[in-house]
Amino acid sequence: MTEFETVLRTPELGPGAIAEVQARGRDIAIANVGQTYYAFDAACPVDGTNLARDGRLDGDLLICPNDDARFNVRTGERVDGAGALRAHAVRIEGNEIRVGPHYADENAR
C-alpha cells in the first residue's frame, strides 16, 4: 500500500495559490487550480528555481520567473519546450491535502 502524507488543510490554500511543503523527502509545490489540488517537485526542471516560492500561476499554467518556462499543472508537461514537472499523486481526505508518490511509481495506481 502506498503511503500518503498530510501536508496542508484545504482552507490553508485558496484558489490560485501555491504553497511549498515537505513530503516524501522532497520539496513539493501544491497548487490549487479551480478547487483541484496538484502536487509536483518545487524545483523548475529547467533551471532549478523554486516554483513554490517564485513561480506564478496563470490559470492552469505555472510560469518560472527566471526562464519563462510554462508548465501545465494538470499534466506536469512543459507547454513551450522540453521538460516536465515531476508530478505526485494527491488525495483529499476530509479537509486534508495528502501527497503520495510520483505518478510513474507503479504503486500509486
PDB file of N, CA and C in Angstrom:
ATOM      1  N   MET A   1       0.837  -1.178   0.000  1.00  0.00           N
ATOM      2  CA  MET A   1       0.000   0.000   0.000  1.00  0.00           C
ATOM      3  C   MET A   1       0.885   1.246   0.000  1.00  0.00           C
ATOM      4  N   THR A   2       0.596   2.178  -0.857  1.00  0.00           N
ATOM      5  CA  THR A   2       1.361   3.405  -0.965  1.00  0.00           C
ATOM      6  C   THR A   2       0.954   4.360   0.140  1.00  0.00           C
ATOM      7  N   GLU A   3       1.938   4.964   0.745  1.00  0.00           N
ATOM      8  CA  GLU A   3       1.682   5.886   1.837  1.00  0.00           C
ATOM      9  C   GLU A   3       1.522   7.319   1.330  1.00  0.00           C
ATOM     10  N   PHE A   4       0.491   7.980   1.810  1.00  0.00           N
ATOM     11  CA  PHE A   4       0.247   9.389   1.514  1.00  0.00           C
ATOM     12  C   PHE A   4       0.479  10.183   2.788  1.00  0.00           C
ATOM     13  N   GLU A   5       1.087  11.362   2.654  1.00  0.00           N
ATOM     14  CA  GLU A   5       1.372  12.223   3.796  1.00  0.00           C
ATOM     15  C   GLU A   5       0.475  13.452   3.770  1.00  0.00           C
ATOM     16  N   THR A   6      -0.093  13.801   4.906  1.00  0.00           N
ATOM     17  CA  THR A   6      -0.854  15.046   5.014  1.00  0.00           C
ATOM     18  C   THR A   6       0.137  16.202   5.031  1.00  0.00           C
ATOM     19  N   VAL A   7      -0.085  17.184   4.147  1.00  0.00           N
ATOM     20  CA  VAL A   7       0.839  18.316   4.038  1.00  0.00           C
ATOM     21  C   VAL A   7       0.180  19.654   4.347  1.00  0.00           C
ATOM     22  N   LEU A   8      -1.106  19.785   4.107  1.00  0.00           N
ATOM     23  CA  LEU A   8      -1.855  21.015   4.348  1.00  0.00           C
ATOM     24  C   LEU A   8      -3.312  20.666   4.582  1.00  0.00           C
ATOM     25  N   ARG A   9      -4.060  21.646   5.000  1.00  0.00           N
ATOM     26  CA  ARG A   9      -5.510  21.537   5.063  1.00  0.00           C
ATOM     27  C   ARG A   9      -6.064  22.445   3.975  1.00  0.00           C
ATOM     28  N   THR A  10      -7.159  22.042   3.365  1.00  0.00           N
ATOM     29  CA  THR A  10      -7.701  22.797   2.229  1.00  0.00           C
ATOM     30  C   THR A  10      -7.924  24.277   2.533  1.00  0.00           C
ATOM     31  N   PRO A  11      -8.374  24.683   3.739  1.00  0.00           N
ATOM     32  CA  PRO A  11      -8.561  26.121   3.978  1.00  0.00           C
ATOM     33  C   PRO A  11      -7.258  26.928   3.930  1.00  0.00           C
ATOM     34  N   GLU A  12      -6.117  26.234   4.039  1.00  0.00           N
ATOM     35  CA  GLU A  12      -4.820  26.922   4.046  1.00  0.00           C
ATOM     36  C   GLU A  12      -4.325  27.289   2.652  1.00  0.00           C
ATOM     37  N   LEU A  13      -4.987  26.804   1.611  1.00  0.00           N
ATOM     38  CA  LEU A  13      -4.518  27.042   0.245  1.00  0.00           C
ATOM     39  C   LEU A  13      -5.696  27.448  -0.624  1.00  0.00           C
ATOM     40  N   GLY A  14      -5.877  28.740  -0.775  1.00  0.00           N
ATOM     41  CA  GLY A  14      -7.001  29.263  -1.537  1.00  0.00           C
ATOM     42  C   GLY A  14      -6.837  29.079  -3.034  1.00  0.00           C
ATOM     43  N   PRO A  15      -7.893  29.344  -3.788  1.00  0.00           N
ATOM     44  CA  PRO A  15      -7.854  29.223  -5.251  1.00  0.00           C
ATOM     45  C   PRO A  15      -6.754  30.101  -5.858  1.00  0.00           C
ATOM     46  N   GLY A  16      -6.020  29.533  -6.786  1.00  0.00           N
ATOM     47  CA  GLY A  16      -4.957  30.257  -7.473  1.00  0.00           C
ATOM     48  C   GLY A  16      -3.681  30.397  -6.670  1.00  0.00           C
ATOM     49  N   ALA A  17      -3.585  29.699  -5.535  1.00  0.00           N
ATOM     50  CA  ALA A  17      -2.410  29.810  -4.667  1.00  0.00           C
ATOM     51  C   ALA A  17      -1.482  28.607  -4.837  1.00  0.00           C
ATOM     52  N   ILE A  18      -0.221  28.834  -4.457  1.00  0.00           N
ATOM     53  CA  ILE A  18       0.804  27.786  -4.449  1.00  0.00           C
ATOM     54  C   ILE A  18       1.438  27.793  -3.061  1.00  0.00           C
ATOM     55  N   ALA A  19       1.724  26.615  -2.533  1.00  0.00           N
ATOM     56  CA  ALA A  19       2.403  26.508  -1.243  1.00  0.00           C
ATOM     57  C   ALA A  19       3.557  25.520  -1.376  1.00  0.00           C
ATOM     58  N   GLU A  20       4.586  25.754  -0.591  1.00  0.00           N
ATOM     59  CA  GLU A  20       5.718  24.828  -0.534  1.00  0.00           C
ATOM     60  C   GLU A  20       5.581  23.979   0.715  1.00  0.00           C
ATOM     61  N   VAL A  21       5.747  22.675   0.558  1.00  0.00           N
ATOM     62  CA  VAL A  21       5.681  21.736   1.676  1.00  0.00           C
ATOM     63  C   VAL A  21       6.818  20.740   1.541  1.00  0.00           C
ATOM     64  N   GLN A  22       7.042  19.998   2.590  1.00  0.00           N
ATOM     65  CA  GLN A  22       7.989  18.891   2.576  1.00  0.00           C
ATOM     66  C   GLN A  22       7.178  17.605   2.610  1.00  0.00           C
ATOM     67  N   ALA A  23       7.431  16.716   1.675  1.00  0.00           N
ATOM     68  CA  ALA A  23       6.739  15.424   1.642  1.00  0.00           C
ATOM     69  C   ALA A  23       7.602  14.415   0.916  1.00  0.00           C
ATOM     70  N   ARG A  24       7.591  13.216   1.421  1.00  0.00           N
ATOM     71  CA  ARG A  24       8.306  12.125   0.776  1.00  0.00           C
ATOM     72  C   ARG A  24       9.779  12.462   0.577  1.00  0.00           C
ATOM     73  N   GLY A  25      10.334  13.273   1.509  1.00  0.00           N
ATOM     74  CA  GLY A  25      11.749  13.635   1.451  1.00  0.00           C
ATOM     75  C   GLY A  25      12.092  14.659   0.384  1.00  0.00           C
ATOM     76  N   ARG A  26      11.092  15.375  -0.127  1.00  0.00           N
ATOM     77  CA  ARG A  26      11.318  16.318  -1.219  1.00  0.00           C
ATOM     78  C   ARG A  26      10.649  17.647  -0.906  1.00  0.00           C
ATOM     79  N   ASP A  27      11.135  18.706  -1.563  1.00  0.00           N
ATOM     80  CA  ASP A  27      10.433  19.984  -1.566  1.00  0.00           C
ATOM     81  C   ASP A  27       9.345  19.879  -2.615  1.00  0.00           C
ATOM     82  N   ILE A  28       8.107  20.026  -2.190  1.00  0.00           N
ATOM     83  CA  ILE A  28       6.951  19.841  -3.070  1.00  0.00           C
ATOM     84  C   ILE A  28       6.169  21.147  -3.142  1.00  0.00           C
ATOM     85  N   ALA A  29       5.673  21.464  -4.317  1.00  0.00           N
ATOM     86  CA  ALA A  29       4.758  22.590  -4.506  1.00  0.00           C
ATOM     87  C   ALA A  29       3.355  22.020  -4.640  1.00  0.00           C
ATOM     88  N   ILE A  30       2.408  22.658  -3.969  1.00  0.00           N
ATOM     89  CA  ILE A  30       0.994  22.303  -4.083  1.00  0.00           C
ATOM     90  C   ILE A  30       0.295  23.506  -4.698  1.00  0.00           C
ATOM     91  N   ALA A  31      -0.478  23.277  -5.752  1.00  0.00           N
ATOM     92  CA  ALA A  31      -1.223  24.354  -6.405  1.00  0.00           C
ATOM     93  C   ALA A  31      -2.711  24.053  -6.339  1.00  0.00           C
ATOM     94  N   ASN A  32      -3.507  25.098  -6.103  1.00  0.00           N
ATOM     95  CA  ASN A  32      -4.959  24.991  -6.090  1.00  0.00           C
ATOM     96  C   ASN A  32      -5.470  25.666  -7.355  1.00  0.00           C
ATOM     97  N   VAL A  33      -5.945  24.858  -8.281  1.00  0.00           N
ATOM     98  CA  VAL A  33      -6.494  25.370  -9.543  1.00  0.00           C
ATOM     99  C   VAL A  33      -7.942  24.920  -9.628  1.00  0.00           C
ATOM    100  N   GLY A  34      -8.854  25.867  -9.480  1.00  0.00           N
ATOM    101  CA  GLY A  34     -10.277  25.537  -9.566  1.00  0.00           C
ATOM    102  C   GLY A  34     -10.729  24.542  -8.525  1.00  0.00           C
ATOM    103  N   GLN A  35     -10.193  24.654  -7.298  1.00  0.00           N
ATOM    104  CA  GLN A  35     -10.520  23.763  -6.188  1.00  0.00           C
ATOM    105  C   GLN A  35     -10.047  22.323  -6.423  1.00  0.00           C
ATOM    106  N   THR A  36      -9.137  22.144  -7.355  1.00  0.00           N
ATOM    107  CA  THR A  36      -8.456  20.867  -7.539  1.00  0.00           C
ATOM    108  C   THR A  36      -6.995  21.103  -7.185  1.00  0.00           C
ATOM    109  N   TYR A  37      -6.403  20.179  -6.451  1.00  0.00           N
ATOM    110  CA  TYR A  37      -5.051  20.346  -5.938  1.00  0.00           C
ATOM    111  C   TYR A  37      -4.082  19.474  -6.729  1.00  0.00           C
ATOM    112  N   TYR A  38      -2.933  20.067  -7.062  1.00  0.00           N
ATOM    113  CA  TYR A  38      -1.896  19.388  -7.828  1.00  0.00           C
ATOM    114  C   TYR A  38      -0.596  19.501  -7.055  1.00  0.00           C
ATOM    115  N   ALA A  39       0.207  18.436  -7.074  1.00  0.00           N
ATOM    116  CA  ALA A  39       1.492  18.419  -6.379  1.00  0.00           C
ATOM    117  C   ALA A  39       2.599  18.049  -7.354  1.00  0.00           C
ATOM    118  N   PHE A  40       3.728  18.711  -7.210  1.00  0.00           N
ATOM    119  CA  PHE A  40       4.869  18.455  -8.085  1.00  0.00           C
ATOM    120  C   PHE A  40       6.128  18.921  -7.372  1.00  0.00           C
ATOM    121  N   ASP A  41       7.289  18.395  -7.795  1.00  0.00           N
ATOM    122  CA  ASP A  41       8.544  18.849  -7.211  1.00  0.00           C
ATOM    123  C   ASP A  41       8.646  20.355  -7.390  1.00  0.00           C
ATOM    124  N   ALA A  42       9.134  21.048  -6.355  1.00  0.00           N
ATOM    125  CA  ALA A  42       9.158  22.508  -6.359  1.00  0.00           C
ATOM    126  C   ALA A  42      10.191  23.080  -7.319  1.00  0.00           C
ATOM    127  N   ALA A  43      11.244  22.354  -7.624  1.00  0.00           N
ATOM    128  CA  ALA A  43      12.318  22.887  -8.466  1.00  0.00           C
ATOM    129  C   ALA A  43      11.933  22.866  -9.938  1.00  0.00           C
ATOM    130  N   CYS A  44      12.158  24.000 -10.612  1.00  0.00           N
ATOM    131  CA  CYS A  44      11.958  24.056 -12.062  1.00  0.00           C
ATOM    132  C   CYS A  44      12.934  23.086 -12.715  1.00  0.00           C
ATOM    133  N   PRO A  45      12.478  22.188 -13.594  1.00  0.00           N
ATOM    134  CA  PRO A  45      13.377  21.224 -14.215  1.00  0.00           C
ATOM    135  C   PRO A  45      14.346  21.877 -15.204  1.00  0.00           C
ATOM    136  N   VAL A  46      14.108  23.127 -15.554  1.00  0.00           N
ATOM    137  CA  VAL A  46      14.983  23.825 -16.498  1.00  0.00           C
ATOM    138  C   VAL A  46      16.159  24.477 -15.778  1.00  0.00           C
ATOM    139  N   ASP A  47      15.868  25.250 -14.705  1.00  0.00           N
ATOM    140  CA  ASP A  47      16.956  25.996 -14.059  1.00  0.00           C
ATOM    141  C   ASP A  47      17.009  25.853 -12.542  1.00  0.00           C
ATOM    142  N   GLY A  48      16.137  25.043 -11.938  1.00  0.00           N
ATOM    143  CA  GLY A  48      16.172  24.794 -10.503  1.00  0.00           C
ATOM    144  C   GLY A  48      15.473  25.826  -9.637  1.00  0.00           C
ATOM    145  N   THR A  49      14.862  26.851 -10.229  1.00  0.00           N
ATOM    146  CA  THR A  49      14.131  27.858  -9.459  1.00  0.00           C
ATOM    147  C   THR A  49      13.056  27.190  -8.624  1.00  0.00           C
ATOM    148  N   ASN A  50      12.878  27.644  -7.390  1.00  0.00           N
ATOM    149  CA  ASN A  50      11.821  27.108  -6.536  1.00  0.00           C
ATOM    150  C   ASN A  50      10.488  27.691  -7.002  1.00  0.00           C
ATOM    151  N   LEU A  51       9.701  26.879  -7.679  1.00  0.00           N
ATOM    152  CA  LEU A  51       8.431  27.333  -8.255  1.00  0.00           C
ATOM    153  C   LEU A  51       7.355  27.568  -7.207  1.00  0.00           C
ATOM    154  N   ALA A  52       7.473  26.924  -6.055  1.00  0.00           N
ATOM    155  CA  ALA A  52       6.502  27.152  -4.987  1.00  0.00           C
ATOM    156  C   ALA A  52       6.644  28.575  -4.440  1.00  0.00           C
ATOM    157  N   ARG A  53       7.873  29.051  -4.316  1.00  0.00           N
ATOM    158  CA  ARG A  53       8.120  30.391  -3.777  1.00  0.00           C
ATOM    159  C   ARG A  53       8.076  31.472  -4.849  1.00  0.00           C
ATOM    160  N   ASP A  54       8.632  31.163  -6.018  1.00  0.00           N
ATOM    161  CA  ASP A  54       8.846  32.206  -7.025  1.00  0.00           C
ATOM    162  C   ASP A  54       7.995  32.064  -8.279  1.00  0.00           C
ATOM    163  N   GLY A  55       7.377  30.906  -8.469  1.00  0.00           N
ATOM    164  CA  GLY A  55       6.557  30.695  -9.662  1.00  0.00           C
ATOM    165  C   GLY A  55       5.248  31.469  -9.579  1.00  0.00           C
ATOM    166  N   ARG A  56       4.600  31.604 -10.714  1.00  0.00           N
ATOM    167  CA  ARG A  56       3.332  32.334 -10.792  1.00  0.00           C
ATOM    168  C   ARG A  56       2.327  31.474 -11.536  1.00  0.00           C
ATOM    169  N   LEU A  57       1.117  31.361 -10.966  1.00  0.00           N
ATOM    170  CA  LEU A  57       0.037  30.638 -11.632  1.00  0.00           C
ATOM    171  C   LEU A  57      -0.737  31.585 -12.532  1.00  0.00           C
ATOM    172  N   ASP A  58      -1.018  31.130 -13.736  1.00  0.00           N
ATOM    173  CA  ASP A  58      -1.893  31.842 -14.670  1.00  0.00           C
ATOM    174  C   ASP A  58      -2.878  30.797 -15.178  1.00  0.00           C
ATOM    175  N   GLY A  59      -4.030  30.695 -14.499  1.00  0.00           N
ATOM    176  CA  GLY A  59      -4.964  29.611 -14.800  1.00  0.00           C
ATOM    177  C   GLY A  59      -4.327  28.302 -14.386  1.00  0.00           C
ATOM    178  N   ASP A  60      -4.199  27.364 -15.334  1.00  0.00           N
ATOM    179  CA  ASP A  60      -3.554  26.093 -15.005  1.00  0.00           C
ATOM    180  C   ASP A  60      -2.101  26.039 -15.469  1.00  0.00           C
ATOM    181  N   LEU A  61      -1.534  27.196 -15.807  1.00  0.00           N
ATOM    182  CA  LEU A  61      -0.121  27.263 -16.179  1.00  0.00           C
ATOM    183  C   LEU A  61       0.699  27.800 -15.017  1.00  0.00           C
ATOM    184  N   LEU A  62       1.819  27.151 -14.749  1.00  0.00           N
ATOM    185  CA  LEU A  62       2.773  27.612 -13.764  1.00  0.00           C
ATOM    186  C   LEU A  62       3.964  28.157 -14.531  1.00  0.00           C
ATOM    187  N   ILE A  63       4.320  29.408 -14.246  1.00  0.00           N
ATOM    188  CA  ILE A  63       5.357  30.092 -15.011  1.00  0.00           C
ATOM    189  C   ILE A  63       6.573  30.324 -14.123  1.00  0.00           C
ATOM    190  N   CYS A  64       7.742  29.930 -14.627  1.00  0.00           N
ATOM    191  CA  CYS A  64       9.003  30.154 -13.933  1.00  0.00           C
ATOM    192  C   CYS A  64       9.457  31.582 -14.228  1.00  0.00           C
ATOM    193  N   PRO A  65       9.768  32.373 -13.197  1.00  0.00           N
ATOM    194  CA  PRO A  65      10.134  33.769 -13.422  1.00  0.00           C
ATOM    195  C   PRO A  65      11.519  33.956 -14.047  1.00  0.00           C
ATOM    196  N   ASN A  66      12.395  32.975 -13.919  1.00  0.00           N
ATOM    197  CA  ASN A  66      13.766  33.141 -14.411  1.00  0.00           C
ATOM    198  C   ASN A  66      13.952  32.777 -15.869  1.00  0.00           C
ATOM    199  N   ASP A  67      13.277  31.731 -16.318  1.00  0.00           N
ATOM    200  CA  ASP A  67      13.466  31.306 -17.710  1.00  0.00           C
ATOM    201  C   ASP A  67      12.171  31.343 -18.510  1.00  0.00           C
ATOM    202  N   ASP A  68      11.082  31.777 -17.871  1.00  0.00           N
ATOM    203  CA  ASP A  68       9.768  31.907 -18.501  1.00  0.00           C
ATOM    204  C   ASP A  68       9.196  30.570 -18.995  1.00  0.00           C
ATOM    205  N   ALA A  69       9.738  29.456 -18.489  1.00  0.00           N
ATOM    206  CA  ALA A  69       9.181  28.142 -18.839  1.00  0.00           C
ATOM    207  C   ALA A  69       7.763  28.068 -18.299  1.00  0.00           C
ATOM    208  N   ARG A  70       6.872  27.442 -19.053  1.00  0.00           N
ATOM    209  CA  ARG A  70       5.462  27.329 -18.677  1.00  0.00           C
ATOM    210  C   ARG A  70       5.082  25.858 -18.613  1.00  0.00           C
ATOM    211  N   PHE A  71       4.468  25.494 -17.497  1.00  0.00           N
ATOM    212  CA  PHE A  71       4.091  24.110 -17.246  1.00  0.00           C
ATOM    213  C   PHE A  71       2.596  24.020 -16.957  1.00  0.00           C
ATOM    214  N   ASN A  72       1.950  23.018 -17.515  1.00  0.00           N
ATOM    215  CA  ASN A  72       0.554  22.753 -17.220  1.00  0.00           C
ATOM    216  C   ASN A  72       0.517  21.962 -15.917  1.00  0.00           C
ATOM    217  N   VAL A  73      -0.056  22.540 -14.846  1.00  0.00           N
ATOM    218  CA  VAL A  73      -0.057  21.852 -13.554  1.00  0.00           C
ATOM    219  C   VAL A  73      -0.949  20.617 -13.558  1.00  0.00           C
ATOM    220  N   ARG A  74      -1.884  20.542 -14.480  1.00  0.00           N
ATOM    221  CA  ARG A  74      -2.770  19.368 -14.553  1.00  0.00           C
ATOM    222  C   ARG A  74      -2.031  18.127 -15.072  1.00  0.00           C
ATOM    223  N   THR A  75      -1.063  18.353 -15.968  1.00  0.00           N
ATOM    224  CA  THR A  75      -0.336  17.235 -16.574  1.00  0.00           C
ATOM    225  C   THR A  75       1.139  17.191 -16.203  1.00  0.00           C
ATOM    226  N   GLY A  76       1.689  18.335 -15.778  1.00  0.00           N
ATOM    227  CA  GLY A  76       3.117  18.440 -15.497  1.00  0.00           C
ATOM    228  C   GLY A  76       3.944  18.773 -16.731  1.00  0.00           C
ATOM    229  N   GLU A  77       3.349  18.676 -17.908  1.00  0.00           N
ATOM    230  CA  GLU A  77       4.097  18.896 -19.154  1.00  0.00           C
ATOM    231  C   GLU A  77       4.448  20.367 -19.356  1.00  0.00           C
ATOM    232  N   ARG A  78       5.619  20.584 -19.918  1.00  0.00           N
ATOM    233  CA  ARG A  78       6.015  21.935 -20.313  1.00  0.00           C
ATOM    234  C   ARG A  78       5.319  22.237 -21.634  1.00  0.00           C
ATOM    235  N   VAL A  79       4.679  23.384 -21.728  1.00  0.00           N
ATOM    236  CA  VAL A  79       3.898  23.705 -22.929  1.00  0.00           C
ATOM    237  C   VAL A  79       4.702  24.476 -23.967  1.00  0.00           C
ATOM    238  N   ASP A  80       5.916  24.906 -23.614  1.00  0.00           N
ATOM    239  CA  ASP A  80       6.710  25.706 -24.542  1.00  0.00           C
ATOM    240  C   ASP A  80       8.117  25.164 -24.743  1.00  0.00           C
ATOM    241  N   GLY A  81       8.288  23.856 -24.609  1.00  0.00           N
ATOM    242  CA  GLY A  81       9.608  23.262 -24.806  1.00  0.00           C
ATOM    243  C   GLY A  81       9.691  21.900 -24.148  1.00  0.00           C
ATOM    244  N   ALA A  82      10.906  21.402 -24.065  1.00  0.00           N
ATOM    245  CA  ALA A  82      11.138  20.080 -23.486  1.00  0.00           C
ATOM    246  C   ALA A  82      11.200  20.172 -21.967  1.00  0.00           C
ATOM    247  N   GLY A  83      10.856  19.088 -21.316  1.00  0.00           N
ATOM    248  CA  GLY A  83      10.916  19.011 -19.865  1.00  0.00           C
ATOM    249  C   GLY A  83       9.523  18.924 -19.276  1.00  0.00           C
ATOM    250  N   ALA A  84       9.465  18.497 -18.030  1.00  0.00           N
ATOM    251  CA  ALA A  84       8.173  18.356 -17.350  1.00  0.00           C
ATOM    252  C   ALA A  84       8.393  18.436 -15.854  1.00  0.00           C
ATOM    253  N   LEU A  85       7.342  18.830 -15.154  1.00  0.00           N
ATOM    254  CA  LEU A  85       7.355  18.797 -13.699  1.00  0.00           C
ATOM    255  C   LEU A  85       7.178  17.358 -13.244  1.00  0.00           C
ATOM    256  N   ARG A  86       7.851  16.989 -12.185  1.00  0.00           N
ATOM    257  CA  ARG A  86       7.685  15.657 -11.599  1.00  0.00           C
ATOM    258  C   ARG A  86       6.446  15.719 -10.709  1.00  0.00           C
ATOM    259  N   ALA A  87       5.329  15.233 -11.235  1.00  0.00           N
ATOM    260  CA  ALA A  87       4.038  15.324 -10.546  1.00  0.00           C
ATOM    261  C   ALA A  87       3.864  14.176  -9.556  1.00  0.00           C
ATOM    262  N   HIS A  88       3.130  14.469  -8.484  1.00  0.00           N
ATOM    263  CA  HIS A  88       2.852  13.495  -7.435  1.00  0.00           C
ATOM    264  C   HIS A  88       1.350  13.314  -7.281  1.00  0.00           C
ATOM    265  N   ALA A  89       0.972  12.135  -6.871  1.00  0.00           N
ATOM    266  CA  ALA A  89      -0.436  11.848  -6.608  1.00  0.00           C
ATOM    267  C   ALA A  89      -0.915  12.686  -5.425  1.00  0.00           C
ATOM    268  N   VAL A  90      -2.186  13.126  -5.495  1.00  0.00           N
ATOM    269  CA  VAL A  90      -2.804  13.913  -4.423  1.00  0.00           C
ATOM    270  C   VAL A  90      -4.138  13.273  -4.071  1.00  0.00           C
ATOM    271  N   ARG A  91      -4.397  13.204  -2.779  1.00  0.00           N
ATOM    272  CA  ARG A  91      -5.702  12.768  -2.288  1.00  0.00           C
ATOM    273  C   ARG A  91      -6.219  13.819  -1.324  1.00  0.00           C
ATOM    274  N   ILE A  92      -7.514  14.052  -1.368  1.00  0.00           N
ATOM    275  CA  ILE A  92      -8.160  14.918  -0.393  1.00  0.00           C
ATOM    276  C   ILE A  92      -9.003  14.015   0.496  1.00  0.00           C
ATOM    277  N   GLU A  93      -8.734  14.059   1.779  1.00  0.00           N
ATOM    278  CA  GLU A  93      -9.491  13.269   2.752  1.00  0.00           C
ATOM    279  C   GLU A  93     -10.011  14.232   3.805  1.00  0.00           C
ATOM    280  N   GLY A  94     -11.316  14.451   3.801  1.00  0.00           N
ATOM    281  CA  GLY A  94     -11.894  15.480   4.673  1.00  0.00           C
ATOM    282  C   GLY A  94     -11.381  16.820   4.184  1.00  0.00           C
ATOM    283  N   ASN A  95     -10.656  17.527   5.045  1.00  0.00           N
ATOM    284  CA  ASN A  95     -10.050  18.779   4.599  1.00  0.00           C
ATOM    285  C   ASN A  95      -8.528  18.675   4.538  1.00  0.00           C
ATOM    286  N   GLU A  96      -8.024  17.454   4.512  1.00  0.00           N
ATOM    287  CA  GLU A  96      -6.585  17.239   4.443  1.00  0.00           C
ATOM    288  C   GLU A  96      -6.126  17.043   3.001  1.00  0.00           C
ATOM    289  N   ILE A  97      -5.050  17.739   2.639  1.00  0.00           N
ATOM    290  CA  ILE A  97      -4.394  17.536   1.345  1.00  0.00           C
ATOM    291  C   ILE A  97      -3.252  16.571   1.614  1.00  0.00           C
ATOM    292  N   ARG A  98      -3.303  15.421   0.938  1.00  0.00           N
ATOM    293  CA  ARG A  98      -2.314  14.370   1.162  1.00  0.00           C
ATOM    294  C   ARG A  98      -1.541  14.110  -0.133  1.00  0.00           C
ATOM    295  N   VAL A  99      -0.211  14.041  -0.005  1.00  0.00           N
ATOM    296  CA  VAL A  99       0.661  13.834  -1.163  1.00  0.00           C
ATOM    297  C   VAL A  99       1.201  12.419  -1.126  1.00  0.00           C
ATOM    298  N   GLY A 100       1.163  11.788  -2.296  1.00  0.00           N
ATOM    299  CA  GLY A 100       1.681  10.441  -2.450  1.00  0.00           C
ATOM    300  C   GLY A 100       2.869  10.416  -3.381  1.00  0.00           C
ATOM    301  N   PRO A 101       3.113   9.285  -3.980  1.00  0.00           N
ATOM    302  CA  PRO A 101       4.301   9.109  -4.812  1.00  0.00           C
ATOM    303  C   PRO A 101       4.177   9.810  -6.164  1.00  0.00           C
ATOM    304  N   HIS A 102       5.315   9.855  -6.819  1.00  0.00           N
ATOM    305  CA  HIS A 102       5.373  10.328  -8.202  1.00  0.00           C
ATOM    306  C   HIS A 102       4.482   9.422  -9.037  1.00  0.00           C
ATOM    307  N   TYR A 103       3.807   9.981 -10.037  1.00  0.00           N
ATOM    308  CA  TYR A 103       2.872   9.198 -10.848  1.00  0.00           C
ATOM    309  C   TYR A 103       3.515   8.013 -11.551  1.00  0.00           C
ATOM    310  N   ALA A 104       4.788   8.069 -11.819  1.00  0.00           N
ATOM    311  CA  ALA A 104       5.453   6.957 -12.503  1.00  0.00           C
ATOM    312  C   ALA A 104       5.608   5.743 -11.589  1.00  0.00           C
ATOM    313  N   ASP A 105       5.478   5.956 -10.268  1.00  0.00           N
ATOM    314  CA  ASP A 105       5.597   4.852  -9.320  1.00  0.00           C
ATOM    315  C   ASP A 105       4.391   3.934  -9.497  1.00  0.00           C
ATOM    316  N   GLU A 106       4.615   2.708  -9.893  1.00  0.00           N
ATOM    317  CA  GLU A 106       3.513   1.805 -10.175  1.00  0.00           C
ATOM    318  C   GLU A 106       2.623   1.550  -8.972  1.00  0.00           C
ATOM    319  N   ASN A 107       3.134   1.792  -7.758  1.00  0.00           N
ATOM    320  CA  ASN A 107       2.332   1.596  -6.547  1.00  0.00           C
ATOM    321  C   ASN A 107       1.293   2.685  -6.364  1.00  0.00           C
ATOM    322  N   ALA A 108       1.393   3.789  -7.108  1.00  0.00           N
ATOM    323  CA  ALA A 108       0.442   4.894  -6.948  1.00  0.00           C
ATOM    324  C   ALA A 108      -0.888   4.594  -7.610  1.00  0.00           C
ATOM    325  N   ARG A 109      -0.939   3.591  -8.436  1.00  0.00           N
ATOM    326  CA  ARG A 109      -2.171   3.309  -9.175  1.00  0.00           C
ATOM    327  C   ARG A 109      -3.130   2.453  -8.403  1.00  0.00           C
TER     328      ARG A 109
END
